[in-house]
Amino acid sequence: MNLKTQIQEDMKTALRQKDVERLTTIRLILAAIKQFEIDERSEVTEERVYAILEKMLKQRRESIAQYTQAKREDLANKERAEAELIQAYLPQPL
């Protein structure tokens, strides 16, 4: 099973479990993948999905730093939760 299919299956599971936070983040991931497919007019590869996830993770980390600086821990915690979910789909670094 490729990563895109796994993410789609996880979305269905989150829908069934009514896990709103998880569902929202998975939908963001799938939207980014779909946007790439539309822009490139081709099916996304496994490596490209990893690149998209890395980019999203980097954005979350930058947002966490900015929200923490602005003393907005509520928004920083939301970004941390999204970052953890995105990280779960990436391979573990050595």
N, C-alpha and C. Protein backbone atom coordinates (compact mmCIF):
# COMPACT_ATOMS: atom_id res chain seq x y z
N MET A 1 0.85 -1.17 0.00
CA MET A 1 0.00 0.00 0.00
C MET A 1 0.90 1.24 0.00
N ASN A 2 0.66 2.13 -0.95
CA ASN A 2 1.49 3.32 -0.98
C ASN A 2 1.02 4.34 0.06
N LEU A 3 1.81 5.37 0.25
CA LEU A 3 1.56 6.33 1.32
C LEU A 3 0.27 7.11 1.10
N LYS A 4 0.00 7.50 -0.13
CA LYS A 4 -1.22 8.25 -0.42
C LYS A 4 -2.45 7.43 -0.06
N THR A 5 -2.45 6.16 -0.41
CA THR A 5 -3.56 5.27 -0.08
C THR A 5 -3.69 5.12 1.42
N GLN A 6 -2.57 5.00 2.12
CA GLN A 6 -2.58 4.89 3.58
C GLN A 6 -3.21 6.13 4.22
N ILE A 7 -2.85 7.30 3.71
CA ILE A 7 -3.41 8.54 4.24
C ILE A 7 -4.91 8.59 4.00
N GLN A 8 -5.35 8.15 2.81
CA GLN A 8 -6.78 8.13 2.52
C GLN A 8 -7.52 7.17 3.44
N GLU A 9 -6.93 6.04 3.72
CA GLU A 9 -7.54 5.08 4.65
C GLU A 9 -7.61 5.65 6.06
N ASP A 10 -6.56 6.37 6.46
CA ASP A 10 -6.56 7.00 7.78
C ASP A 10 -7.64 8.07 7.88
N MET A 11 -7.92 8.74 6.76
CA MET A 11 -8.98 9.73 6.75
C MET A 11 -10.34 9.06 6.99
N LYS A 12 -10.55 7.94 6.35
CA LYS A 12 -11.81 7.21 6.55
C LYS A 12 -11.96 6.75 8.00
N THR A 13 -10.86 6.30 8.58
CA THR A 13 -10.87 5.87 9.97
C THR A 13 -11.18 7.05 10.90
N ALA A 14 -10.57 8.19 10.63
CA ALA A 14 -10.82 9.38 11.45
C ALA A 14 -12.28 9.83 11.32
N LEU A 15 -12.84 9.68 10.13
CA LEU A 15 -14.25 10.01 9.93
C LEU A 15 -15.14 9.11 10.78
N ARG A 16 -14.85 7.82 10.75
CA ARG A 16 -15.65 6.86 11.51
C ARG A 16 -15.54 7.11 13.02
N GLN A 17 -14.34 7.49 13.47
CA GLN A 17 -14.11 7.71 14.89
C GLN A 17 -14.48 9.12 15.33
N LYS A 18 -14.86 9.95 14.38
CA LYS A 18 -15.23 11.35 14.66
C LYS A 18 -14.10 12.11 15.37
N ASP A 19 -12.87 11.85 14.92
CA ASP A 19 -11.69 12.52 15.44
C ASP A 19 -11.44 13.78 14.59
N VAL A 20 -12.00 14.90 15.01
CA VAL A 20 -12.03 16.11 14.21
C VAL A 20 -10.63 16.67 13.96
N GLU A 21 -9.78 16.73 14.98
CA GLU A 21 -8.44 17.30 14.81
C GLU A 21 -7.62 16.49 13.82
N ARG A 22 -7.66 15.19 13.97
CA ARG A 22 -6.91 14.30 13.07
C ARG A 22 -7.45 14.40 11.65
N LEU A 23 -8.77 14.43 11.53
CA LEU A 23 -9.41 14.52 10.23
C LEU A 23 -9.03 15.81 9.51
N THR A 24 -9.00 16.91 10.23
CA THR A 24 -8.64 18.19 9.64
C THR A 24 -7.22 18.17 9.09
N THR A 25 -6.30 17.63 9.85
CA THR A 25 -4.90 17.58 9.41
C THR A 25 -4.73 16.65 8.22
N ILE A 26 -5.40 15.52 8.23
CA ILE A 26 -5.30 14.59 7.11
C ILE A 26 -5.88 15.21 5.85
N ARG A 27 -6.96 15.95 6.00
CA ARG A 27 -7.53 16.64 4.84
C ARG A 27 -6.57 17.68 4.28
N LEU A 28 -5.83 18.36 5.14
CA LEU A 28 -4.82 19.32 4.69
C LEU A 28 -3.72 18.61 3.89
N ILE A 29 -3.31 17.45 4.37
CA ILE A 29 -2.28 16.67 3.67
C ILE A 29 -2.78 16.25 2.29
N LEU A 30 -3.99 15.71 2.25
CA LEU A 30 -4.54 15.25 0.97
C LEU A 30 -4.77 16.42 0.01
N ALA A 31 -5.13 17.58 0.54
CA ALA A 31 -5.31 18.76 -0.32
C ALA A 31 -3.99 19.19 -0.94
N ALA A 32 -2.91 19.12 -0.16
CA ALA A 32 -1.58 19.47 -0.69
C ALA A 32 -1.16 18.48 -1.77
N ILE A 33 -1.44 17.21 -1.56
CA ILE A 33 -1.10 16.19 -2.56
C ILE A 33 -1.93 16.41 -3.83
N LYS A 34 -3.20 16.66 -3.66
CA LYS A 34 -4.09 16.89 -4.82
C LYS A 34 -3.67 18.14 -5.58
N GLN A 35 -3.28 19.18 -4.86
CA GLN A 35 -2.82 20.41 -5.51
C GLN A 35 -1.58 20.15 -6.36
N PHE A 36 -0.67 19.34 -5.86
CA PHE A 36 0.51 18.99 -6.64
C PHE A 36 0.11 18.23 -7.90
N GLU A 37 -0.81 17.28 -7.77
CA GLU A 37 -1.24 16.51 -8.93
C GLU A 37 -1.89 17.40 -9.98
N ILE A 38 -2.66 18.38 -9.54
CA ILE A 38 -3.31 19.29 -10.48
C ILE A 38 -2.27 20.19 -11.16
N ASP A 39 -1.34 20.72 -10.37
CA ASP A 39 -0.32 21.60 -10.92
C ASP A 39 0.58 20.88 -11.92
N GLU A 40 0.96 19.66 -11.61
CA GLU A 40 1.90 18.90 -12.45
C GLU A 40 1.19 18.06 -13.50
N ARG A 41 -0.11 17.91 -13.37
CA ARG A 41 -0.91 17.08 -14.29
C ARG A 41 -0.37 15.65 -14.39
N SER A 42 0.02 15.12 -13.24
CA SER A 42 0.51 13.74 -13.19
C SER A 42 0.23 13.17 -11.81
N GLU A 43 0.31 11.85 -11.73
CA GLU A 43 0.12 11.16 -10.46
C GLU A 43 1.34 11.41 -9.57
N VAL A 44 1.10 11.60 -8.31
CA VAL A 44 2.17 11.89 -7.36
C VAL A 44 2.94 10.61 -7.05
N THR A 45 4.27 10.73 -6.91
CA THR A 45 5.10 9.58 -6.56
C THR A 45 5.29 9.53 -5.05
N GLU A 46 5.76 8.41 -4.58
CA GLU A 46 6.00 8.22 -3.14
C GLU A 46 7.02 9.25 -2.63
N GLU A 47 8.08 9.48 -3.40
CA GLU A 47 9.10 10.44 -3.00
C GLU A 47 8.53 11.84 -2.92
N ARG A 48 7.64 12.17 -3.86
CA ARG A 48 7.04 13.50 -3.87
C ARG A 48 6.11 13.69 -2.67
N VAL A 49 5.41 12.63 -2.27
CA VAL A 49 4.55 12.71 -1.08
C VAL A 49 5.41 13.01 0.14
N TYR A 50 6.57 12.36 0.24
CA TYR A 50 7.48 12.63 1.36
C TYR A 50 7.95 14.08 1.32
N ALA A 51 8.24 14.59 0.13
CA ALA A 51 8.69 15.98 0.00
C ALA A 51 7.59 16.95 0.43
N ILE A 52 6.36 16.66 0.05
CA ILE A 52 5.21 17.50 0.44
C ILE A 52 5.06 17.48 1.96
N LEU A 53 5.17 16.30 2.56
CA LEU A 53 5.05 16.19 4.02
C LEU A 53 6.17 16.93 4.73
N GLU A 54 7.39 16.84 4.20
CA GLU A 54 8.52 17.56 4.78
C GLU A 54 8.28 19.07 4.75
N LYS A 55 7.76 19.55 3.63
CA LYS A 55 7.47 20.97 3.49
C LYS A 55 6.40 21.40 4.50
N MET A 56 5.36 20.59 4.64
CA MET A 56 4.30 20.91 5.59
C MET A 56 4.84 20.91 7.02
N LEU A 57 5.70 19.97 7.34
CA LEU A 57 6.29 19.88 8.67
C LEU A 57 7.15 21.11 8.96
N LYS A 58 7.92 21.54 7.97
CA LYS A 58 8.75 22.74 8.13
C LYS A 58 7.87 23.96 8.39
N GLN A 59 6.76 24.08 7.66
CA GLN A 59 5.84 25.20 7.87
C GLN A 59 5.28 25.18 9.30
N ARG A 60 4.94 24.00 9.79
CA ARG A 60 4.39 23.90 11.15
C ARG A 60 5.43 24.31 12.18
N ARG A 61 6.67 23.88 11.98
CA ARG A 61 7.73 24.23 12.94
C ARG A 61 7.96 25.74 12.97
N GLU A 62 7.94 26.38 11.80
CA GLU A 62 8.09 27.83 11.76
C GLU A 62 6.93 28.52 12.44
N SER A 63 5.72 28.00 12.24
CA SER A 63 4.54 28.59 12.88
C SER A 63 4.61 28.44 14.39
N ILE A 64 5.07 27.28 14.85
CA ILE A 64 5.20 27.05 16.30
C ILE A 64 6.14 28.08 16.90
N ALA A 65 7.27 28.33 16.23
CA ALA A 65 8.24 29.31 16.74
C ALA A 65 7.62 30.71 16.80
N GLN A 66 6.89 31.08 15.76
CA GLN A 66 6.28 32.41 15.73
C GLN A 66 5.18 32.54 16.79
N TYR A 67 4.36 31.52 16.92
CA TYR A 67 3.29 31.58 17.92
C TYR A 67 3.84 31.58 19.34
N THR A 68 4.91 30.85 19.57
CA THR A 68 5.52 30.83 20.89
C THR A 68 6.11 32.19 21.21
N GLN A 69 6.75 32.82 20.23
CA GLN A 69 7.30 34.16 20.42
C GLN A 69 6.20 35.17 20.74
N ALA A 70 5.05 35.00 20.11
CA ALA A 70 3.93 35.91 20.31
C ALA A 70 3.10 35.54 21.54
N LYS A 71 3.57 34.53 22.28
CA LYS A 71 2.89 34.05 23.48
C LYS A 71 1.46 33.59 23.20
N ARG A 72 1.30 32.89 22.08
CA ARG A 72 0.01 32.31 21.71
C ARG A 72 0.12 30.79 21.80
N GLU A 73 0.18 30.28 23.00
CA GLU A 73 0.38 28.84 23.23
C GLU A 73 -0.78 28.01 22.70
N ASP A 74 -1.99 28.58 22.67
CA ASP A 74 -3.12 27.83 22.13
C ASP A 74 -2.90 27.48 20.66
N LEU A 75 -2.44 28.46 19.88
CA LEU A 75 -2.18 28.21 18.46
C LEU A 75 -0.93 27.35 18.28
N ALA A 76 0.06 27.55 19.13
CA ALA A 76 1.28 26.74 19.05
C ALA A 76 0.97 25.27 19.33
N ASN A 77 0.09 25.01 20.29
CA ASN A 77 -0.27 23.63 20.60
C ASN A 77 -1.02 22.98 19.44
N LYS A 78 -1.86 23.73 18.75
CA LYS A 78 -2.57 23.21 17.59
C LYS A 78 -1.58 22.83 16.49
N GLU A 79 -0.60 23.69 16.27
CA GLU A 79 0.42 23.41 15.25
C GLU A 79 1.28 22.21 15.66
N ARG A 80 1.56 22.07 16.95
CA ARG A 80 2.34 20.92 17.42
C ARG A 80 1.60 19.61 17.15
N ALA A 81 0.29 19.62 17.39
CA ALA A 81 -0.50 18.42 17.14
C ALA A 81 -0.49 18.06 15.66
N GLU A 82 -0.61 19.07 14.79
CA GLU A 82 -0.55 18.82 13.35
C GLU A 82 0.83 18.30 12.95
N ALA A 83 1.87 18.88 13.53
CA ALA A 83 3.24 18.46 13.21
C ALA A 83 3.47 17.01 13.62
N GLU A 84 2.95 16.60 14.77
CA GLU A 84 3.10 15.22 15.22
C GLU A 84 2.44 14.24 14.25
N LEU A 85 1.25 14.60 13.77
CA LEU A 85 0.55 13.73 12.83
C LEU A 85 1.30 13.64 11.50
N ILE A 86 1.77 14.76 11.01
CA ILE A 86 2.54 14.77 9.75
C ILE A 86 3.82 13.94 9.93
N GLN A 87 4.48 14.10 11.07
CA GLN A 87 5.72 13.36 11.34
C GLN A 87 5.48 11.86 11.35
N ALA A 88 4.29 11.43 11.75
CA ALA A 88 3.98 10.01 11.81
C ALA A 88 4.02 9.35 10.43
N TYR A 89 3.78 10.12 9.39
CA TYR A 89 3.80 9.57 8.03
C TYR A 89 5.19 9.57 7.41
N LEU A 90 6.12 10.26 8.02
CA LEU A 90 7.49 10.31 7.49
C LEU A 90 8.32 9.19 8.08
N PRO A 91 9.31 8.69 7.35
CA PRO A 91 10.19 7.66 7.91
C PRO A 91 11.02 8.24 9.04
N GLN A 92 11.39 7.39 9.97
CA GLN A 92 12.18 7.81 11.12
C GLN A 92 13.61 8.16 10.67
N PRO A 93 14.12 9.31 11.09
CA PRO A 93 15.50 9.66 10.72
C PRO A 93 16.50 8.75 11.43
N LEU A 94 17.64 8.58 10.84
CA LEU A 94 18.67 7.72 11.43
C LEU A 94 19.32 8.37 12.61
